Amino acid sequence: MIAAMDTIIAFLVLATAIALLVSYARHDRFAGHASTTHPVDDLGPVEERFHLVPRG
């Protein structure tokens, strides 16, 4: 009974560790500048005219 419970706990810990590792690896610090998005609409980049049109 103890060995089965230890195995279940080990699988839970392993699954948690894998989930945290995948979450860490998918973070933007590995992707660089290409992963950033720049809002663009019909008039072009929003950042260039952000000071003209207040956006909330």
N, C-alpha and C. Protein backbone atom coordinates (compact mmCIF):
# COMPACT_ATOMS: atom_id res chain seq x y z
N MET A 1 0.83 -1.20 0.00
CA MET A 1 0.00 0.00 0.00
C MET A 1 0.88 1.26 0.00
N ILE A 2 1.95 1.24 0.77
CA ILE A 2 2.82 2.41 0.86
C ILE A 2 3.53 2.65 -0.49
N ALA A 3 3.96 1.59 -1.15
CA ALA A 3 4.67 1.74 -2.42
C ALA A 3 3.76 2.34 -3.48
N ALA A 4 2.50 1.96 -3.49
CA ALA A 4 1.56 2.51 -4.46
C ALA A 4 1.34 4.00 -4.22
N MET A 5 1.24 4.37 -2.96
CA MET A 5 1.04 5.78 -2.63
C MET A 5 2.29 6.59 -2.98
N ASP A 6 3.47 6.04 -2.73
CA ASP A 6 4.70 6.72 -3.10
C ASP A 6 4.80 6.91 -4.61
N THR A 7 4.36 5.92 -5.36
CA THR A 7 4.39 6.01 -6.82
C THR A 7 3.45 7.09 -7.32
N ILE A 8 2.26 7.17 -6.75
CA ILE A 8 1.29 8.21 -7.14
C ILE A 8 1.84 9.58 -6.81
N ILE A 9 2.42 9.74 -5.65
CA ILE A 9 3.00 11.04 -5.26
C ILE A 9 4.16 11.39 -6.19
N ALA A 10 4.98 10.42 -6.54
CA ALA A 10 6.10 10.68 -7.45
C ALA A 10 5.59 11.11 -8.82
N PHE A 11 4.53 10.49 -9.33
CA PHE A 11 3.96 10.90 -10.61
C PHE A 11 3.37 12.31 -10.54
N LEU A 12 2.73 12.65 -9.45
CA LEU A 12 2.19 14.00 -9.29
C LEU A 12 3.30 15.05 -9.25
N VAL A 13 4.36 14.76 -8.52
CA VAL A 13 5.49 15.67 -8.46
C VAL A 13 6.14 15.82 -9.84
N LEU A 14 6.30 14.71 -10.55
CA LEU A 14 6.88 14.74 -11.88
C LEU A 14 6.01 15.54 -12.85
N ALA A 15 4.71 15.35 -12.80
CA ALA A 15 3.80 16.09 -13.68
C ALA A 15 3.84 17.57 -13.36
N THR A 16 3.91 17.93 -12.09
CA THR A 16 4.00 19.33 -11.70
C THR A 16 5.31 19.94 -12.17
N ALA A 17 6.40 19.20 -12.03
CA ALA A 17 7.70 19.70 -12.48
C ALA A 17 7.72 19.90 -13.99
N ILE A 18 7.14 18.99 -14.74
CA ILE A 18 7.08 19.13 -16.19
C ILE A 18 6.23 20.33 -16.58
N ALA A 19 5.09 20.51 -15.92
CA ALA A 19 4.22 21.66 -16.22
C ALA A 19 4.94 22.97 -15.94
N LEU A 20 5.66 23.05 -14.84
CA LEU A 20 6.40 24.28 -14.51
C LEU A 20 7.54 24.52 -15.49
N LEU A 21 8.22 23.46 -15.90
CA LEU A 21 9.31 23.60 -16.86
C LEU A 21 8.81 24.07 -18.22
N VAL A 22 7.69 23.53 -18.67
CA VAL A 22 7.11 23.95 -19.95
C VAL A 22 6.64 25.40 -19.86
N SER A 23 6.03 25.77 -18.75
CA SER A 23 5.59 27.16 -18.57
C SER A 23 6.78 28.11 -18.57
N TYR A 24 7.87 27.72 -17.94
CA TYR A 24 9.08 28.54 -17.91
C TYR A 24 9.70 28.65 -19.30
N ALA A 25 9.74 27.55 -20.03
CA ALA A 25 10.36 27.55 -21.35
C ALA A 25 9.55 28.33 -22.37
N ARG A 26 8.23 28.40 -22.19
CA ARG A 26 7.39 29.13 -23.14
C ARG A 26 7.37 30.62 -22.87
N HIS A 27 8.00 31.08 -21.83
CA HIS A 27 8.01 32.49 -21.50
C HIS A 27 8.79 33.26 -22.55
N ASP A 28 8.50 34.54 -22.72
CA ASP A 28 9.07 35.36 -23.78
C ASP A 28 10.57 35.58 -23.67
N ARG A 29 11.17 35.31 -22.53
CA ARG A 29 12.60 35.58 -22.39
C ARG A 29 13.44 34.72 -23.35
N PHE A 30 12.88 33.61 -23.81
CA PHE A 30 13.60 32.75 -24.75
C PHE A 30 13.30 33.12 -26.20
N ALA A 31 12.21 33.83 -26.43
CA ALA A 31 11.76 34.06 -27.80
C ALA A 31 12.41 35.29 -28.43
N GLY A 32 12.78 36.26 -27.64
CA GLY A 32 13.39 37.46 -28.20
C GLY A 32 12.36 38.45 -28.71
N HIS A 33 12.83 39.36 -29.54
CA HIS A 33 11.97 40.45 -29.99
C HIS A 33 10.93 40.02 -31.01
N ALA A 34 11.13 38.93 -31.69
CA ALA A 34 10.19 38.50 -32.71
C ALA A 34 8.86 38.06 -32.12
N SER A 35 8.83 37.78 -30.82
CA SER A 35 7.59 37.31 -30.22
C SER A 35 6.67 38.45 -29.79
N THR A 36 7.15 39.68 -29.84
CA THR A 36 6.32 40.79 -29.41
C THR A 36 5.35 41.16 -30.52
N THR A 37 4.19 41.62 -30.13
CA THR A 37 3.19 42.03 -31.11
C THR A 37 3.05 43.53 -31.09
N HIS A 38 2.81 44.08 -32.24
CA HIS A 38 2.60 45.52 -32.38
C HIS A 38 1.21 45.72 -32.96
N PRO A 39 0.34 46.41 -32.21
CA PRO A 39 -1.03 46.59 -32.70
C PRO A 39 -1.06 47.40 -34.00
N VAL A 40 -1.71 46.86 -35.01
CA VAL A 40 -1.85 47.51 -36.30
C VAL A 40 -3.32 47.45 -36.70
N ASP A 41 -3.84 48.57 -37.18
CA ASP A 41 -5.20 48.57 -37.71
C ASP A 41 -5.17 49.12 -39.12
N ASP A 42 -6.30 49.55 -39.63
CA ASP A 42 -6.39 50.01 -41.03
C ASP A 42 -5.51 51.22 -41.32
N LEU A 43 -5.19 52.00 -40.32
CA LEU A 43 -4.40 53.21 -40.51
C LEU A 43 -2.91 52.99 -40.29
N GLY A 44 -2.51 51.79 -39.92
CA GLY A 44 -1.10 51.50 -39.69
C GLY A 44 -0.83 51.20 -38.24
N PRO A 45 0.43 51.33 -37.84
CA PRO A 45 0.80 51.03 -36.45
C PRO A 45 0.13 52.00 -35.47
N VAL A 46 -0.48 51.44 -34.46
CA VAL A 46 -1.19 52.24 -33.45
C VAL A 46 -0.19 53.03 -32.60
N GLU A 47 1.00 52.45 -32.37
CA GLU A 47 1.98 53.10 -31.48
C GLU A 47 2.41 54.47 -32.00
N GLU A 48 2.45 54.65 -33.33
CA GLU A 48 2.91 55.91 -33.89
C GLU A 48 1.91 57.04 -33.69
N ARG A 49 0.64 56.72 -33.51
CA ARG A 49 -0.37 57.77 -33.32
C ARG A 49 -1.09 57.63 -31.98
N PHE A 50 -0.45 56.96 -31.06
CA PHE A 50 -1.06 56.74 -29.74
C PHE A 50 -1.33 58.05 -29.03
N HIS A 51 -0.46 59.04 -29.21
CA HIS A 51 -0.63 60.33 -28.54
C HIS A 51 -1.74 61.15 -29.17
N LEU A 52 -2.18 60.82 -30.37
CA LEU A 52 -3.24 61.56 -31.05
C LEU A 52 -4.64 61.10 -30.66
N VAL A 53 -4.78 59.81 -30.44
CA VAL A 53 -6.09 59.23 -30.12
C VAL A 53 -6.00 58.57 -28.77
N PRO A 54 -6.71 59.14 -27.79
CA PRO A 54 -6.65 58.50 -26.45
C PRO A 54 -7.32 57.12 -26.50
N ARG A 55 -6.57 56.14 -26.06
CA ARG A 55 -7.10 54.78 -26.01
C ARG A 55 -7.04 54.29 -24.57
N GLY A 56 -8.16 53.78 -24.11
CA GLY A 56 -8.24 53.37 -22.73
C GLY A 56 -8.08 51.94 -22.56
